[in-house]
Amino acid sequence: MPGKRITDLQVTKYKALRGEYSQEAAAAKTGISVASARRVEATTALPSQRPPRHWRTRADPLADVWATEVVPMLEGAPSLMAVTVLEELQRRHPGRFDDSVLRTLQRRVGHWRAQYGPEREIYFAQEHPPGRLGLSDFTVANELDVSLGGLAFPHRLYQFALAHS
């Protein structure tokens, strides 16, 4: 299937089936194309053992407008969506940016937000079932100068509350 990466499990299964079946049959049983099967046979490394690709497969369509136009737009309004930025670029440069650039722009905007965008609030949901957790606290109350029968009464206050309440 185009766009889906071949997993280590598929490669191992293909190599095991290859001893019994033809290349086409083993590839079909594994769920990969015959072209991918040829590539699998040509290499000994599993997909997870290969180094990540560091080169581009095509020229970056946003290279000359990214720093001069897109970044200032994002700095001015960090919550702008990539669709809005693309529409503005299409308005400024008619016929230059096709709708197919949208996914590239979404990735670039996501990376920009991760590095330079505003801080995001993080919430950790807490679940407190009834009767499970309790909060306990002692408070030293000597500063209150409580006295019993004319004598100073140093004491502490204790508070207990269920987390659910």
N, C-alpha and C. Protein backbone atom coordinates (compact mmCIF):
# COMPACT_ATOMS: atom_id res chain seq x y z
N MET A 1 0.84 -1.18 0.00
CA MET A 1 0.00 0.00 0.00
C MET A 1 0.89 1.24 0.00
N PRO A 2 0.62 2.19 -0.88
CA PRO A 2 1.44 3.39 -0.91
C PRO A 2 1.22 4.22 0.35
N GLY A 3 2.32 4.79 0.84
CA GLY A 3 2.23 5.65 2.00
C GLY A 3 2.39 4.93 3.32
N LYS A 4 2.25 3.63 3.35
CA LYS A 4 2.41 2.88 4.60
C LYS A 4 3.82 2.31 4.65
N ARG A 5 4.46 2.45 5.76
CA ARG A 5 5.81 1.91 5.93
C ARG A 5 5.74 0.42 6.21
N ILE A 6 6.73 -0.28 5.74
CA ILE A 6 6.81 -1.72 5.96
C ILE A 6 7.38 -1.95 7.36
N THR A 7 6.75 -2.81 8.12
CA THR A 7 7.17 -3.07 9.50
C THR A 7 8.18 -4.21 9.55
N ASP A 8 8.84 -4.33 10.69
CA ASP A 8 9.78 -5.43 10.89
C ASP A 8 9.06 -6.77 10.82
N LEU A 9 7.84 -6.80 11.35
CA LEU A 9 7.06 -8.04 11.33
C LEU A 9 6.76 -8.48 9.90
N GLN A 10 6.42 -7.53 9.04
CA GLN A 10 6.16 -7.87 7.65
C GLN A 10 7.41 -8.42 6.96
N VAL A 11 8.55 -7.81 7.24
CA VAL A 11 9.80 -8.27 6.62
C VAL A 11 10.13 -9.68 7.08
N THR A 12 10.02 -9.94 8.38
CA THR A 12 10.33 -11.28 8.89
C THR A 12 9.36 -12.31 8.34
N LYS A 13 8.08 -11.94 8.28
CA LYS A 13 7.08 -12.86 7.74
C LYS A 13 7.34 -13.11 6.26
N TYR A 14 7.70 -12.07 5.51
CA TYR A 14 7.99 -12.24 4.08
C TYR A 14 9.17 -13.18 3.89
N LYS A 15 10.23 -12.98 4.65
CA LYS A 15 11.42 -13.83 4.48
C LYS A 15 11.13 -15.28 4.85
N ALA A 16 10.25 -15.48 5.83
CA ALA A 16 9.89 -16.85 6.20
C ALA A 16 9.05 -17.49 5.09
N LEU A 17 8.13 -16.75 4.50
CA LEU A 17 7.28 -17.27 3.44
C LEU A 17 8.02 -17.43 2.12
N ARG A 18 9.09 -16.70 1.93
CA ARG A 18 9.82 -16.70 0.66
C ARG A 18 10.42 -18.06 0.36
N GLY A 19 10.73 -18.83 1.39
CA GLY A 19 11.28 -20.17 1.17
C GLY A 19 10.27 -21.11 0.54
N GLU A 20 9.00 -20.91 0.80
CA GLU A 20 7.95 -21.79 0.30
C GLU A 20 7.26 -21.27 -0.95
N TYR A 21 7.11 -19.94 -1.07
CA TYR A 21 6.31 -19.36 -2.13
C TYR A 21 7.17 -18.49 -3.06
N SER A 22 6.57 -18.14 -4.20
CA SER A 22 7.24 -17.23 -5.12
C SER A 22 7.26 -15.83 -4.51
N GLN A 23 8.02 -14.95 -5.14
CA GLN A 23 8.14 -13.59 -4.64
C GLN A 23 6.78 -12.90 -4.62
N GLU A 24 5.99 -13.09 -5.68
CA GLU A 24 4.69 -12.45 -5.78
C GLU A 24 3.73 -12.98 -4.71
N ALA A 25 3.72 -14.29 -4.51
CA ALA A 25 2.80 -14.89 -3.53
C ALA A 25 3.19 -14.50 -2.11
N ALA A 26 4.49 -14.55 -1.79
CA ALA A 26 4.95 -14.17 -0.45
C ALA A 26 4.65 -12.70 -0.16
N ALA A 27 4.84 -11.85 -1.18
CA ALA A 27 4.55 -10.43 -1.01
C ALA A 27 3.06 -10.21 -0.77
N ALA A 28 2.22 -10.91 -1.53
CA ALA A 28 0.77 -10.78 -1.37
C ALA A 28 0.33 -11.25 0.01
N LYS A 29 0.89 -12.36 0.49
CA LYS A 29 0.51 -12.87 1.81
C LYS A 29 0.97 -11.93 2.93
N THR A 30 2.03 -11.21 2.69
CA THR A 30 2.57 -10.29 3.70
C THR A 30 1.91 -8.92 3.64
N GLY A 31 1.30 -8.59 2.50
CA GLY A 31 0.65 -7.29 2.37
C GLY A 31 1.57 -6.20 1.87
N ILE A 32 2.60 -6.57 1.11
CA ILE A 32 3.51 -5.59 0.52
C ILE A 32 3.51 -5.77 -0.99
N SER A 33 4.01 -4.78 -1.70
CA SER A 33 4.06 -4.87 -3.16
C SER A 33 5.26 -5.70 -3.58
N VAL A 34 5.27 -6.11 -4.84
CA VAL A 34 6.38 -6.89 -5.37
C VAL A 34 7.65 -6.03 -5.42
N ALA A 35 7.48 -4.74 -5.73
CA ALA A 35 8.65 -3.84 -5.74
C ALA A 35 9.26 -3.74 -4.35
N SER A 36 8.41 -3.66 -3.34
CA SER A 36 8.92 -3.61 -1.97
C SER A 36 9.57 -4.93 -1.60
N ALA A 37 9.02 -6.03 -2.10
CA ALA A 37 9.61 -7.35 -1.83
C ALA A 37 11.01 -7.43 -2.41
N ARG A 38 11.21 -6.86 -3.61
CA ARG A 38 12.55 -6.85 -4.20
C ARG A 38 13.52 -6.05 -3.33
N ARG A 39 13.05 -4.91 -2.81
CA ARG A 39 13.90 -4.10 -1.93
C ARG A 39 14.23 -4.86 -0.65
N VAL A 40 13.25 -5.59 -0.10
CA VAL A 40 13.47 -6.36 1.12
C VAL A 40 14.53 -7.43 0.88
N GLU A 41 14.48 -8.07 -0.27
CA GLU A 41 15.46 -9.11 -0.58
C GLU A 41 16.84 -8.54 -0.82
N ALA A 42 16.92 -7.29 -1.26
CA ALA A 42 18.21 -6.68 -1.57
C ALA A 42 18.96 -6.23 -0.32
N THR A 43 18.26 -6.08 0.79
CA THR A 43 18.91 -5.60 2.01
C THR A 43 18.77 -6.64 3.12
N THR A 44 19.69 -6.56 4.08
CA THR A 44 19.63 -7.49 5.22
C THR A 44 19.08 -6.82 6.46
N ALA A 45 19.07 -5.49 6.48
CA ALA A 45 18.64 -4.76 7.68
C ALA A 45 17.11 -4.67 7.74
N LEU A 46 16.59 -4.73 8.94
CA LEU A 46 15.15 -4.52 9.16
C LEU A 46 14.84 -3.03 9.04
N PRO A 47 13.60 -2.67 8.76
CA PRO A 47 13.26 -1.24 8.64
C PRO A 47 13.60 -0.41 9.88
N SER A 48 13.46 -1.00 11.05
CA SER A 48 13.76 -0.24 12.28
C SER A 48 15.26 -0.04 12.48
N GLN A 49 16.08 -0.79 11.77
CA GLN A 49 17.53 -0.68 11.92
C GLN A 49 18.15 0.30 10.92
N ARG A 50 17.39 0.75 9.96
CA ARG A 50 17.91 1.69 8.97
C ARG A 50 17.95 3.09 9.55
N PRO A 51 18.95 3.88 9.18
CA PRO A 51 19.00 5.26 9.68
C PRO A 51 17.89 6.09 9.05
N PRO A 52 17.41 7.11 9.76
CA PRO A 52 16.34 7.94 9.20
C PRO A 52 16.85 8.74 8.00
N ARG A 53 15.94 9.01 7.09
CA ARG A 53 16.29 9.76 5.89
C ARG A 53 16.47 11.22 6.27
N HIS A 54 17.52 11.86 5.78
CA HIS A 54 17.81 13.25 6.12
C HIS A 54 17.75 14.17 4.90
N TRP A 55 17.43 13.64 3.76
CA TRP A 55 17.38 14.45 2.56
C TRP A 55 15.93 14.71 2.17
N ARG A 56 15.75 15.75 1.39
CA ARG A 56 14.41 16.09 0.90
C ARG A 56 14.17 15.36 -0.41
N THR A 57 12.92 15.00 -0.64
CA THR A 57 12.58 14.32 -1.89
C THR A 57 12.17 15.32 -2.97
N ARG A 58 11.84 16.54 -2.58
CA ARG A 58 11.53 17.58 -3.56
C ARG A 58 11.90 18.93 -2.96
N ALA A 59 11.97 19.93 -3.81
CA ALA A 59 12.33 21.27 -3.35
C ALA A 59 11.23 21.82 -2.44
N ASP A 60 11.63 22.56 -1.43
CA ASP A 60 10.69 23.14 -0.49
C ASP A 60 9.94 24.29 -1.16
N PRO A 61 8.61 24.17 -1.33
CA PRO A 61 7.87 25.24 -2.02
C PRO A 61 7.74 26.51 -1.18
N LEU A 62 8.01 26.43 0.11
CA LEU A 62 7.85 27.59 0.99
C LEU A 62 9.18 28.24 1.37
N ALA A 63 10.27 27.79 0.79
CA ALA A 63 11.60 28.22 1.22
C ALA A 63 11.77 29.74 1.16
N ASP A 64 11.36 30.38 0.06
CA ASP A 64 11.64 31.81 -0.07
C ASP A 64 10.62 32.72 0.61
N VAL A 65 9.47 32.18 1.05
CA VAL A 65 8.49 33.03 1.74
C VAL A 65 8.37 32.69 3.22
N TRP A 66 9.01 31.63 3.68
CA TRP A 66 8.84 31.20 5.06
C TRP A 66 9.32 32.27 6.04
N ALA A 67 10.58 32.68 5.92
CA ALA A 67 11.14 33.63 6.90
C ALA A 67 10.62 35.05 6.69
N THR A 68 10.32 35.42 5.46
CA THR A 68 9.94 36.81 5.20
C THR A 68 8.45 37.07 5.38
N GLU A 69 7.59 36.06 5.11
CA GLU A 69 6.15 36.32 5.18
C GLU A 69 5.42 35.46 6.20
N VAL A 70 5.71 34.16 6.22
CA VAL A 70 4.93 33.26 7.08
C VAL A 70 5.29 33.45 8.55
N VAL A 71 6.57 33.50 8.89
CA VAL A 71 6.96 33.65 10.29
C VAL A 71 6.45 34.97 10.88
N PRO A 72 6.56 36.11 10.17
CA PRO A 72 5.97 37.33 10.75
C PRO A 72 4.45 37.22 10.97
N MET A 73 3.75 36.50 10.07
CA MET A 73 2.30 36.31 10.28
C MET A 73 2.07 35.51 11.56
N LEU A 74 2.86 34.44 11.75
CA LEU A 74 2.68 33.59 12.94
C LEU A 74 3.09 34.32 14.21
N GLU A 75 4.11 35.16 14.13
CA GLU A 75 4.52 35.92 15.31
C GLU A 75 3.45 36.95 15.69
N GLY A 76 2.80 37.51 14.68
CA GLY A 76 1.73 38.49 14.94
C GLY A 76 0.48 37.86 15.51
N ALA A 77 0.16 36.66 15.02
CA ALA A 77 -1.04 35.95 15.50
C ALA A 77 -0.70 34.46 15.56
N PRO A 78 -0.14 33.99 16.70
CA PRO A 78 0.33 32.61 16.80
C PRO A 78 -0.76 31.55 16.64
N SER A 79 -2.02 31.95 16.79
CA SER A 79 -3.08 30.96 16.69
C SER A 79 -3.61 30.79 15.26
N LEU A 80 -2.98 31.45 14.30
CA LEU A 80 -3.41 31.32 12.91
C LEU A 80 -3.32 29.87 12.46
N MET A 81 -4.31 29.44 11.72
CA MET A 81 -4.29 28.08 11.17
C MET A 81 -3.54 28.11 9.85
N ALA A 82 -2.97 26.96 9.49
CA ALA A 82 -2.19 26.87 8.26
C ALA A 82 -3.05 27.15 7.03
N VAL A 83 -4.33 26.80 7.08
CA VAL A 83 -5.24 27.06 5.95
C VAL A 83 -5.34 28.57 5.71
N THR A 84 -5.45 29.32 6.79
CA THR A 84 -5.55 30.77 6.67
C THR A 84 -4.27 31.36 6.11
N VAL A 85 -3.14 30.86 6.57
CA VAL A 85 -1.84 31.33 6.07
C VAL A 85 -1.72 31.02 4.58
N LEU A 86 -2.14 29.82 4.17
CA LEU A 86 -2.07 29.45 2.76
C LEU A 86 -2.98 30.34 1.92
N GLU A 87 -4.17 30.63 2.41
CA GLU A 87 -5.07 31.51 1.67
C GLU A 87 -4.46 32.90 1.50
N GLU A 88 -3.79 33.38 2.55
CA GLU A 88 -3.13 34.69 2.45
C GLU A 88 -1.98 34.65 1.45
N LEU A 89 -1.21 33.56 1.47
CA LEU A 89 -0.11 33.42 0.51
C LEU A 89 -0.65 33.33 -0.92
N GLN A 90 -1.77 32.64 -1.10
CA GLN A 90 -2.37 32.55 -2.43
C GLN A 90 -2.91 33.91 -2.88
N ARG A 91 -3.39 34.71 -1.93
CA ARG A 91 -3.85 36.05 -2.27
C ARG A 91 -2.69 36.96 -2.66
N ARG A 92 -1.58 36.86 -1.92
CA ARG A 92 -0.41 37.70 -2.20
C ARG A 92 0.33 37.27 -3.47
N HIS A 93 0.37 35.96 -3.72
CA HIS A 93 1.10 35.40 -4.86
C HIS A 93 0.16 34.55 -5.70
N PRO A 94 -0.67 35.14 -6.54
CA PRO A 94 -1.65 34.37 -7.30
C PRO A 94 -0.98 33.35 -8.23
N GLY A 95 -1.49 32.12 -8.19
CA GLY A 95 -1.00 31.06 -9.06
C GLY A 95 0.30 30.40 -8.62
N ARG A 96 0.90 30.87 -7.56
CA ARG A 96 2.20 30.32 -7.15
C ARG A 96 2.06 29.15 -6.18
N PHE A 97 1.11 29.23 -5.25
CA PHE A 97 0.94 28.18 -4.24
C PHE A 97 -0.35 27.43 -4.49
N ASP A 98 -0.23 26.16 -4.79
CA ASP A 98 -1.37 25.30 -5.02
C ASP A 98 -1.91 24.80 -3.68
N ASP A 99 -3.11 24.23 -3.67
CA ASP A 99 -3.68 23.68 -2.45
C ASP A 99 -2.88 22.48 -1.93
N SER A 100 -2.08 21.86 -2.79
CA SER A 100 -1.28 20.70 -2.37
C SER A 100 -0.17 21.08 -1.40
N VAL A 101 0.11 22.37 -1.26
CA VAL A 101 1.16 22.85 -0.33
C VAL A 101 0.65 22.86 1.11
N LEU A 102 -0.66 22.68 1.30
CA LEU A 102 -1.26 22.82 2.62
C LEU A 102 -0.63 21.89 3.64
N ARG A 103 -0.46 20.61 3.32
CA ARG A 103 0.08 19.67 4.31
C ARG A 103 1.52 20.03 4.68
N THR A 104 2.31 20.46 3.72
CA THR A 104 3.68 20.91 4.01
C THR A 104 3.64 22.11 4.94
N LEU A 105 2.74 23.04 4.66
CA LEU A 105 2.61 24.22 5.51
C LEU A 105 2.15 23.85 6.91
N GLN A 106 1.23 22.90 7.02
CA GLN A 106 0.76 22.46 8.34
C GLN A 106 1.92 21.87 9.16
N ARG A 107 2.75 21.07 8.52
CA ARG A 107 3.91 20.50 9.23
C ARG A 107 4.86 21.59 9.69
N ARG A 108 5.18 22.52 8.79
CA ARG A 108 6.12 23.59 9.12
C ARG A 108 5.58 24.46 10.24
N VAL A 109 4.28 24.80 10.20
CA VAL A 109 3.66 25.62 11.25
C VAL A 109 3.69 24.86 12.57
N GLY A 110 3.43 23.54 12.53
CA GLY A 110 3.49 22.74 13.76
C GLY A 110 4.87 22.74 14.38
N HIS A 111 5.90 22.59 13.53
CA HIS A 111 7.28 22.63 14.04
C HIS A 111 7.61 24.01 14.60
N TRP A 112 7.16 25.06 13.90
CA TRP A 112 7.42 26.42 14.38
C TRP A 112 6.76 26.64 15.74
N ARG A 113 5.50 26.21 15.88
CA ARG A 113 4.80 26.38 17.16
C ARG A 113 5.48 25.63 18.28
N ALA A 114 6.00 24.44 17.99
CA ALA A 114 6.67 23.66 19.02
C ALA A 114 7.93 24.36 19.51
N GLN A 115 8.63 25.05 18.62
CA GLN A 115 9.87 25.72 19.01
C GLN A 115 9.67 27.14 19.50
N TYR A 116 8.86 27.92 18.78
CA TYR A 116 8.78 29.35 19.07
C TYR A 116 7.40 29.83 19.48
N GLY A 117 6.41 28.98 19.43
CA GLY A 117 5.04 29.38 19.73
C GLY A 117 4.83 29.64 21.21
N PRO A 118 3.63 30.10 21.55
CA PRO A 118 3.34 30.40 22.96
C PRO A 118 3.28 29.11 23.79
N GLU A 119 3.57 29.25 25.07
CA GLU A 119 3.50 28.11 25.98
C GLU A 119 2.07 27.62 26.07
N ARG A 120 1.91 26.32 26.13
CA ARG A 120 0.58 25.75 26.26
C ARG A 120 0.37 25.28 27.69
N GLU A 121 -0.84 25.51 28.20
CA GLU A 121 -1.14 25.03 29.54
C GLU A 121 -1.34 23.53 29.48
N ILE A 122 -0.81 22.86 30.48
CA ILE A 122 -0.94 21.41 30.54
C ILE A 122 -1.77 21.06 31.76
N TYR A 123 -2.76 20.24 31.54
CA TYR A 123 -3.61 19.79 32.64
C TYR A 123 -3.45 18.28 32.79
N PHE A 124 -3.26 17.85 34.00
CA PHE A 124 -3.23 16.43 34.29
C PHE A 124 -4.52 16.09 35.02
N ALA A 125 -5.35 15.33 34.38
CA ALA A 125 -6.64 14.99 34.97
C ALA A 125 -6.41 14.13 36.21
N GLN A 126 -7.07 14.49 37.28
CA GLN A 126 -6.95 13.73 38.51
C GLN A 126 -8.29 13.09 38.82
N GLU A 127 -8.22 11.85 39.19
CA GLU A 127 -9.44 11.12 39.51
C GLU A 127 -9.37 10.70 40.98
N HIS A 128 -10.35 11.11 41.74
CA HIS A 128 -10.38 10.78 43.16
C HIS A 128 -11.66 10.02 43.48
N PRO A 129 -11.60 8.70 43.46
CA PRO A 129 -12.80 7.94 43.80
C PRO A 129 -13.16 8.13 45.27
N PRO A 130 -14.45 8.10 45.61
CA PRO A 130 -14.87 8.34 46.99
C PRO A 130 -14.28 7.32 47.96
N GLY A 131 -13.80 7.83 49.10
CA GLY A 131 -13.30 6.96 50.16
C GLY A 131 -11.93 6.37 49.94
N ARG A 132 -11.25 6.72 48.86
CA ARG A 132 -9.96 6.11 48.53
C ARG A 132 -8.79 6.92 49.08
N LEU A 133 -8.79 8.24 48.86
CA LEU A 133 -7.67 9.09 49.26
C LEU A 133 -8.11 10.11 50.31
N GLY A 134 -7.22 10.38 51.25
CA GLY A 134 -7.48 11.39 52.26
C GLY A 134 -6.32 12.35 52.35
N LEU A 135 -6.59 13.60 52.70
CA LEU A 135 -5.56 14.61 52.87
C LEU A 135 -5.47 14.93 54.35
N SER A 136 -4.26 14.94 54.85
CA SER A 136 -4.04 15.11 56.28
C SER A 136 -3.08 16.26 56.51
N ASP A 137 -3.35 17.08 57.54
CA ASP A 137 -2.49 18.24 57.78
C ASP A 137 -2.47 18.58 59.27
N PHE A 138 -1.29 18.90 59.78
CA PHE A 138 -1.12 19.39 61.15
C PHE A 138 -0.72 20.85 61.08
N THR A 139 -1.24 21.67 61.98
CA THR A 139 -0.86 23.06 62.07
C THR A 139 -0.48 23.37 63.51
N VAL A 140 0.72 23.89 63.71
CA VAL A 140 1.16 24.27 65.05
C VAL A 140 0.45 25.58 65.41
N ALA A 141 -0.27 25.58 66.53
CA ALA A 141 -1.09 26.74 66.90
C ALA A 141 -0.57 27.41 68.17
N ASN A 142 0.73 27.36 68.43
CA ASN A 142 1.29 27.97 69.65
C ASN A 142 1.17 29.49 69.64
N GLU A 143 1.16 30.09 68.43
CA GLU A 143 1.11 31.55 68.35
C GLU A 143 -0.24 32.11 68.79
N LEU A 144 -1.25 31.26 68.96
CA LEU A 144 -2.58 31.73 69.34
C LEU A 144 -2.67 32.08 70.83
N ASP A 145 -1.65 31.71 71.60
CA ASP A 145 -1.60 31.97 73.05
C ASP A 145 -2.86 31.50 73.76
N VAL A 146 -3.24 30.27 73.52
CA VAL A 146 -4.39 29.67 74.21
C VAL A 146 -3.91 29.26 75.61
N SER A 147 -4.72 29.55 76.61
CA SER A 147 -4.33 29.16 77.98
C SER A 147 -5.49 28.42 78.63
N LEU A 148 -5.14 27.45 79.48
CA LEU A 148 -6.12 26.68 80.26
C LEU A 148 -5.75 26.84 81.73
N GLY A 149 -6.64 27.41 82.47
CA GLY A 149 -6.38 27.61 83.90
C GLY A 149 -5.21 28.53 84.14
N GLY A 150 -4.98 29.49 83.23
CA GLY A 150 -3.89 30.44 83.39
C GLY A 150 -2.56 29.94 82.88
N LEU A 151 -2.49 28.67 82.47
CA LEU A 151 -1.24 28.14 81.94
C LEU A 151 -1.30 28.10 80.41
N ALA A 152 -0.14 28.35 79.78
CA ALA A 152 -0.07 28.31 78.31
C ALA A 152 -0.37 26.90 77.83
N PHE A 153 -1.11 26.82 76.75
CA PHE A 153 -1.50 25.51 76.21
C PHE A 153 -0.94 25.38 74.78
N PRO A 154 0.32 24.88 74.67
CA PRO A 154 0.86 24.65 73.32
C PRO A 154 0.12 23.47 72.67
N HIS A 155 -0.33 23.63 71.47
CA HIS A 155 -1.09 22.56 70.85
C HIS A 155 -0.99 22.63 69.32
N ARG A 156 -1.50 21.57 68.70
CA ARG A 156 -1.55 21.47 67.24
C ARG A 156 -2.98 21.17 66.82
N LEU A 157 -3.32 21.67 65.64
CA LEU A 157 -4.63 21.37 65.07
C LEU A 157 -4.43 20.33 63.97
N TYR A 158 -5.35 19.40 63.91
CA TYR A 158 -5.28 18.34 62.91
C TYR A 158 -6.50 18.42 62.02
N GLN A 159 -6.27 18.34 60.71
CA GLN A 159 -7.37 18.39 59.78
C GLN A 159 -7.27 17.22 58.82
N PHE A 160 -8.39 16.56 58.58
CA PHE A 160 -8.46 15.43 57.65
C PHE A 160 -9.63 15.66 56.72
N ALA A 161 -9.38 15.51 55.44
CA ALA A 161 -10.47 15.67 54.45
C ALA A 161 -10.32 14.60 53.39
N LEU A 162 -11.43 14.07 52.94
CA LEU A 162 -11.40 13.11 51.84
C LEU A 162 -11.15 13.87 50.54
N ALA A 163 -10.31 13.32 49.69
CA ALA A 163 -9.97 14.00 48.43
C ALA A 163 -11.19 14.14 47.53
N HIS A 164 -12.13 13.26 47.65
CA HIS A 164 -13.33 13.31 46.81
C HIS A 164 -14.22 14.48 47.16
N SER A 165 -14.20 14.93 48.42
CA SER A 165 -15.16 15.94 48.86
C SER A 165 -14.71 17.34 48.58
